[in-house]
Each structure stands twice: as C-alpha cells, then as structure tokens.
C-alpha cells in the first residue's frame, strides 16, 4: 500500500515513525506542533518536503501581496524578507517562522 492509499493520520504516523516529522508540543491554544526534519524529509519523504516548500513559497507571496512583507536583495541577489508586525503574527500562525519550543506545553498522555 502506498502513501496515497492512506489517510492523513496514517501518513503522519508513518512520518513520525521514520523521523521525518517530530512532535514538538502544544501551543497556547492547544494545537499540536510538529516540525519537519529537513535532511530526513529531503531523503526519505521528498513529496512532503516539496509540499512544504510550495506552502512556504505561496504563503510568503501572499504576505508580500498583502503588503505585510518587503523583500530586499543584496549585491549577490540573496533575498532578505522583512515582515511587518502583522506579517510576523500571521507568519507565526501559518508556521512560517521558527518558534521557540520552550514556549510549548507538554502534550497530555491521554
């Protein structure tokens, strides 16, 4: 059976089992927070990694189009993205910015 034949919970369980996705904790709203192991995902779950990259790209473009992000290029054409305070808030909610995992609550056992 391929991943396409499994439901979302089964796919997530598989990614957790192979170490591509890690359970980090819960945010202040009780949402479970996961992280993606970049190197593992590139090698063992390239479809997940590509989906993640596509999501990040689309989300950043949406923030830019909404006027919540500015892009600055250096002399080597390396981009730096600057987010407004509202853009930072939305980016955090969308999982686009690194979160401080010390702020997460432990996940209850039940």
N, C-alpha and C. Protein backbone atom coordinates (compact mmCIF):
# COMPACT_ATOMS: atom_id res chain seq x y z
N UNK A 1 0.85 -1.18 0.00
CA UNK A 1 0.00 0.00 0.00
C UNK A 1 0.90 1.24 0.00
N UNK A 2 0.62 2.18 -0.89
CA UNK A 2 1.42 3.40 -0.98
C UNK A 2 0.84 4.48 -0.07
N UNK A 3 1.60 5.56 0.11
CA UNK A 3 1.13 6.66 0.96
C UNK A 3 -0.15 7.28 0.42
N UNK A 4 -0.33 7.26 -0.90
CA UNK A 4 -1.54 7.84 -1.49
C UNK A 4 -2.79 7.09 -1.05
N UNK A 5 -2.64 5.81 -0.67
CA UNK A 5 -3.78 4.99 -0.26
C UNK A 5 -4.11 5.13 1.22
N UNK A 6 -3.32 5.90 1.95
CA UNK A 6 -3.51 6.04 3.39
C UNK A 6 -4.18 7.37 3.72
N UNK A 7 -4.88 7.40 4.86
CA UNK A 7 -5.49 8.67 5.27
C UNK A 7 -4.42 9.53 5.95
N UNK A 8 -4.76 10.77 6.22
CA UNK A 8 -3.79 11.73 6.76
C UNK A 8 -3.16 11.27 8.07
N UNK A 9 -3.98 10.66 8.96
CA UNK A 9 -3.44 10.19 10.25
C UNK A 9 -2.41 9.09 10.05
N UNK A 10 -2.66 8.19 9.10
CA UNK A 10 -1.72 7.11 8.83
C UNK A 10 -0.42 7.65 8.23
N UNK A 11 -0.54 8.63 7.35
CA UNK A 11 0.65 9.23 6.74
C UNK A 11 1.47 9.95 7.81
N UNK A 12 0.81 10.72 8.67
CA UNK A 12 1.51 11.41 9.75
C UNK A 12 2.19 10.40 10.67
N UNK A 13 1.50 9.32 11.01
CA UNK A 13 2.10 8.29 11.88
C UNK A 13 3.34 7.70 11.22
N UNK A 14 3.30 7.49 9.91
CA UNK A 14 4.45 6.96 9.18
C UNK A 14 5.61 7.95 9.24
N UNK A 15 5.34 9.23 8.98
CA UNK A 15 6.40 10.24 9.01
C UNK A 15 7.01 10.36 10.40
N UNK A 16 6.18 10.26 11.43
CA UNK A 16 6.69 10.29 12.81
C UNK A 16 7.57 9.07 13.08
N UNK A 17 7.12 7.91 12.61
CA UNK A 17 7.85 6.67 12.84
C UNK A 17 9.24 6.68 12.21
N UNK A 18 9.36 7.25 11.01
CA UNK A 18 10.66 7.25 10.33
C UNK A 18 11.51 8.47 10.69
N UNK A 19 10.97 9.38 11.51
CA UNK A 19 11.74 10.52 11.98
C UNK A 19 11.78 11.71 11.05
N UNK A 20 10.91 11.73 10.06
CA UNK A 20 10.83 12.87 9.14
C UNK A 20 10.09 14.03 9.81
N UNK A 21 9.11 13.69 10.61
CA UNK A 21 8.33 14.68 11.36
C UNK A 21 8.53 14.39 12.84
N UNK A 22 8.65 15.47 13.62
CA UNK A 22 8.84 15.34 15.07
C UNK A 22 7.71 16.07 15.79
N UNK A 23 7.27 15.49 16.88
CA UNK A 23 6.26 16.10 17.73
C UNK A 23 6.97 17.03 18.70
N UNK A 24 6.63 18.32 18.68
CA UNK A 24 7.33 19.31 19.50
C UNK A 24 6.59 19.67 20.78
N UNK A 25 5.26 19.65 20.75
CA UNK A 25 4.48 20.03 21.92
C UNK A 25 3.16 20.65 21.49
N UNK A 26 2.60 21.48 22.38
CA UNK A 26 1.34 22.17 22.09
C UNK A 26 1.53 23.66 22.28
N UNK A 27 0.86 24.44 21.44
CA UNK A 27 0.93 25.88 21.61
C UNK A 27 -0.08 26.32 22.67
N UNK A 28 -0.16 27.63 22.87
CA UNK A 28 -1.03 28.17 23.92
C UNK A 28 -2.51 27.91 23.66
N UNK A 29 -2.86 27.57 22.40
CA UNK A 29 -4.25 27.29 22.05
C UNK A 29 -4.57 25.79 22.06
N UNK A 30 -3.59 24.98 22.46
CA UNK A 30 -3.80 23.54 22.49
C UNK A 30 -3.57 22.84 21.16
N UNK A 31 -3.05 23.58 20.18
CA UNK A 31 -2.74 22.98 18.88
C UNK A 31 -1.44 22.19 18.98
N UNK A 32 -1.44 20.99 18.43
CA UNK A 32 -0.23 20.18 18.42
C UNK A 32 0.74 20.76 17.40
N UNK A 33 2.00 20.89 17.80
CA UNK A 33 3.02 21.47 16.93
C UNK A 33 4.00 20.38 16.50
N UNK A 34 4.21 20.30 15.20
CA UNK A 34 5.15 19.35 14.62
C UNK A 34 6.26 20.14 13.93
N UNK A 35 7.41 19.50 13.76
CA UNK A 35 8.48 20.08 12.95
C UNK A 35 8.89 19.05 11.92
N UNK A 36 9.47 19.54 10.84
CA UNK A 36 9.95 18.66 9.78
C UNK A 36 11.47 18.64 9.86
N UNK A 37 12.04 17.44 9.88
CA UNK A 37 13.48 17.27 9.82
C UNK A 37 13.89 17.44 8.36
N UNK A 38 14.49 18.58 8.04
CA UNK A 38 14.78 18.95 6.66
C UNK A 38 15.58 17.89 5.92
N UNK A 39 16.68 17.47 6.48
CA UNK A 39 17.54 16.50 5.79
C UNK A 39 16.85 15.15 5.61
N UNK A 40 16.15 14.70 6.65
CA UNK A 40 15.43 13.43 6.57
C UNK A 40 14.32 13.52 5.52
N UNK A 41 13.59 14.63 5.52
CA UNK A 41 12.49 14.79 4.58
C UNK A 41 12.99 14.80 3.14
N UNK A 42 14.08 15.51 2.90
CA UNK A 42 14.63 15.55 1.54
C UNK A 42 14.96 14.15 1.03
N UNK A 43 15.50 13.32 1.92
CA UNK A 43 15.94 11.98 1.51
C UNK A 43 14.81 10.95 1.52
N UNK A 44 14.00 10.94 2.60
CA UNK A 44 13.04 9.85 2.78
C UNK A 44 11.59 10.22 2.48
N UNK A 45 11.30 11.50 2.35
CA UNK A 45 9.94 11.93 2.05
C UNK A 45 9.97 13.18 1.17
N UNK A 46 10.57 13.05 -0.03
CA UNK A 46 10.70 14.22 -0.89
C UNK A 46 9.36 14.86 -1.26
N UNK A 47 8.29 14.06 -1.28
CA UNK A 47 6.96 14.61 -1.59
C UNK A 47 6.50 15.53 -0.46
N UNK A 48 6.79 15.17 0.77
CA UNK A 48 6.46 16.03 1.91
C UNK A 48 7.29 17.30 1.87
N UNK A 49 8.58 17.17 1.60
CA UNK A 49 9.45 18.34 1.55
C UNK A 49 9.01 19.30 0.46
N UNK A 50 8.67 18.78 -0.73
CA UNK A 50 8.24 19.64 -1.83
C UNK A 50 6.93 20.33 -1.48
N UNK A 51 6.02 19.62 -0.85
CA UNK A 51 4.75 20.21 -0.43
C UNK A 51 4.99 21.33 0.58
N UNK A 52 5.92 21.11 1.49
CA UNK A 52 6.28 22.13 2.49
C UNK A 52 6.86 23.37 1.80
N UNK A 53 7.79 23.18 0.89
CA UNK A 53 8.41 24.30 0.16
C UNK A 53 7.34 25.07 -0.63
N UNK A 54 6.46 24.36 -1.30
CA UNK A 54 5.39 25.02 -2.06
C UNK A 54 4.50 25.85 -1.14
N UNK A 55 4.17 25.31 0.05
CA UNK A 55 3.33 26.03 1.01
C UNK A 55 4.04 27.30 1.49
N UNK A 56 5.31 27.18 1.84
CA UNK A 56 6.07 28.34 2.32
C UNK A 56 6.15 29.41 1.24
N UNK A 57 6.48 29.01 0.01
CA UNK A 57 6.58 29.96 -1.10
C UNK A 57 5.26 30.69 -1.33
N UNK A 58 4.16 29.94 -1.40
CA UNK A 58 2.84 30.54 -1.64
C UNK A 58 2.46 31.48 -0.50
N UNK A 59 2.73 31.07 0.73
CA UNK A 59 2.37 31.89 1.89
C UNK A 59 3.16 33.19 1.92
N UNK A 60 4.46 33.13 1.62
CA UNK A 60 5.28 34.34 1.59
C UNK A 60 4.83 35.29 0.48
N UNK A 61 4.47 34.74 -0.66
CA UNK A 61 3.95 35.58 -1.75
C UNK A 61 2.66 36.25 -1.31
N UNK A 62 1.78 35.52 -0.63
CA UNK A 62 0.53 36.11 -0.15
C UNK A 62 0.80 37.24 0.84
N UNK A 63 1.77 37.05 1.74
CA UNK A 63 2.12 38.13 2.68
C UNK A 63 2.66 39.34 1.93
N UNK A 64 3.49 39.10 0.93
CA UNK A 64 4.04 40.20 0.13
C UNK A 64 2.92 40.95 -0.59
N UNK A 65 2.03 40.19 -1.23
CA UNK A 65 0.94 40.82 -1.99
C UNK A 65 -0.02 41.59 -1.08
N UNK A 66 -0.11 41.18 0.18
CA UNK A 66 -0.97 41.88 1.15
C UNK A 66 -0.27 43.09 1.76
N UNK A 67 0.98 43.34 1.36
CA UNK A 67 1.72 44.48 1.87
C UNK A 67 2.29 44.25 3.27
N UNK A 68 2.40 42.99 3.68
CA UNK A 68 2.88 42.66 5.02
C UNK A 68 4.33 42.20 5.02
N UNK A 69 4.94 42.16 3.84
CA UNK A 69 6.33 41.73 3.73
C UNK A 69 7.03 42.57 2.66
N UNK A 70 8.28 42.87 2.90
CA UNK A 70 9.13 43.54 1.91
C UNK A 70 10.32 42.63 1.64
N UNK A 71 10.77 42.64 0.40
CA UNK A 71 11.91 41.81 0.02
C UNK A 71 13.05 42.73 -0.38
N UNK A 72 14.21 42.48 0.21
CA UNK A 72 15.42 43.26 -0.06
C UNK A 72 16.48 42.31 -0.61
N UNK A 73 17.15 42.73 -1.68
CA UNK A 73 18.20 41.91 -2.29
C UNK A 73 19.56 42.55 -2.03
N UNK A 74 20.56 41.71 -1.73
CA UNK A 74 21.91 42.22 -1.57
C UNK A 74 22.63 42.18 -2.92
N UNK A 75 23.92 42.52 -2.93
CA UNK A 75 24.68 42.57 -4.18
C UNK A 75 24.82 41.21 -4.86
N UNK A 76 24.61 40.12 -4.11
CA UNK A 76 24.67 38.77 -4.69
C UNK A 76 23.28 38.23 -5.01
N UNK A 77 22.30 39.13 -4.98
CA UNK A 77 20.91 38.80 -5.25
C UNK A 77 20.33 37.78 -4.26
N UNK A 78 20.85 37.79 -3.05
CA UNK A 78 20.29 36.97 -1.98
C UNK A 78 19.16 37.78 -1.34
N UNK A 79 18.01 37.17 -1.24
CA UNK A 79 16.83 37.87 -0.73
C UNK A 79 16.77 37.82 0.79
N UNK A 80 16.35 38.93 1.38
CA UNK A 80 16.02 39.00 2.79
C UNK A 80 14.59 39.50 2.87
N UNK A 81 13.77 38.79 3.64
CA UNK A 81 12.36 39.16 3.76
C UNK A 81 12.16 39.85 5.11
N UNK A 82 11.55 41.02 5.07
CA UNK A 82 11.24 41.78 6.27
C UNK A 82 9.72 41.78 6.43
N UNK A 83 9.25 41.33 7.58
CA UNK A 83 7.82 41.26 7.84
C UNK A 83 7.39 42.39 8.76
N UNK A 84 6.22 42.96 8.48
CA UNK A 84 5.62 43.94 9.38
C UNK A 84 5.19 43.20 10.65
N UNK A 85 4.87 43.93 11.71
CA UNK A 85 4.38 43.24 12.92
C UNK A 85 3.18 42.33 12.65
N UNK A 86 2.24 42.80 11.84
CA UNK A 86 1.08 41.96 11.48
C UNK A 86 1.53 40.77 10.63
N UNK A 87 2.48 41.00 9.75
CA UNK A 87 3.03 39.91 8.93
C UNK A 87 3.72 38.87 9.79
N UNK A 88 4.44 39.32 10.83
CA UNK A 88 5.10 38.39 11.75
C UNK A 88 4.07 37.54 12.48
N UNK A 89 2.99 38.17 12.91
CA UNK A 89 1.94 37.44 13.62
C UNK A 89 1.33 36.38 12.71
N UNK A 90 0.99 36.77 11.49
CA UNK A 90 0.40 35.81 10.55
C UNK A 90 1.38 34.71 10.17
N UNK A 91 2.64 35.07 9.96
CA UNK A 91 3.66 34.08 9.61
C UNK A 91 3.81 33.05 10.72
N UNK A 92 3.74 33.49 11.96
CA UNK A 92 3.83 32.56 13.10
C UNK A 92 2.62 31.63 13.10
N UNK A 93 1.43 32.19 12.89
CA UNK A 93 0.21 31.38 12.86
C UNK A 93 0.25 30.35 11.72
N UNK A 94 0.90 30.70 10.61
CA UNK A 94 0.99 29.81 9.45
C UNK A 94 2.16 28.83 9.56
N UNK A 95 2.96 28.97 10.62
CA UNK A 95 4.08 28.07 10.79
C UNK A 95 5.27 28.40 9.90
N UNK A 96 5.38 29.65 9.48
CA UNK A 96 6.45 30.05 8.56
C UNK A 96 7.72 30.49 9.27
N UNK A 97 7.60 30.87 10.53
CA UNK A 97 8.78 31.33 11.26
C UNK A 97 9.10 30.34 12.36
N UNK A 98 10.37 30.26 12.66
CA UNK A 98 10.80 29.34 13.72
C UNK A 98 10.18 29.76 15.03
N UNK A 99 9.68 28.79 15.75
CA UNK A 99 9.03 29.06 17.02
C UNK A 99 9.96 28.66 18.16
N UNK A 100 9.79 29.31 19.28
CA UNK A 100 10.57 28.98 20.47
C UNK A 100 9.88 27.80 21.15
N UNK A 101 10.47 26.61 21.03
CA UNK A 101 9.81 25.42 21.55
C UNK A 101 9.75 25.41 23.08
N UNK A 102 10.49 26.28 23.73
CA UNK A 102 10.39 26.34 25.19
C UNK A 102 9.05 26.94 25.62
N UNK A 103 8.35 27.59 24.67
CA UNK A 103 7.03 28.16 24.96
C UNK A 103 5.93 27.11 24.87
N UNK A 104 6.21 25.94 24.31
CA UNK A 104 5.19 24.91 24.11
C UNK A 104 4.89 24.19 25.41
N UNK A 105 3.66 23.79 25.53
CA UNK A 105 3.25 22.97 26.67
C UNK A 105 3.48 21.51 26.33
N UNK A 106 3.69 20.71 27.37
CA UNK A 106 3.79 19.26 27.16
C UNK A 106 2.43 18.74 26.70
N UNK A 107 2.48 17.69 25.94
CA UNK A 107 1.25 17.07 25.45
C UNK A 107 0.76 16.09 26.51
N UNK A 108 -0.51 16.20 26.89
CA UNK A 108 -1.05 15.26 27.89
C UNK A 108 -0.98 13.82 27.37
N UNK A 109 -0.89 12.88 28.29
CA UNK A 109 -0.77 11.47 27.92
C UNK A 109 -2.06 10.86 27.42
N UNK A 110 -3.20 11.48 27.69
CA UNK A 110 -4.47 10.86 27.29
C UNK A 110 -4.98 11.30 25.98
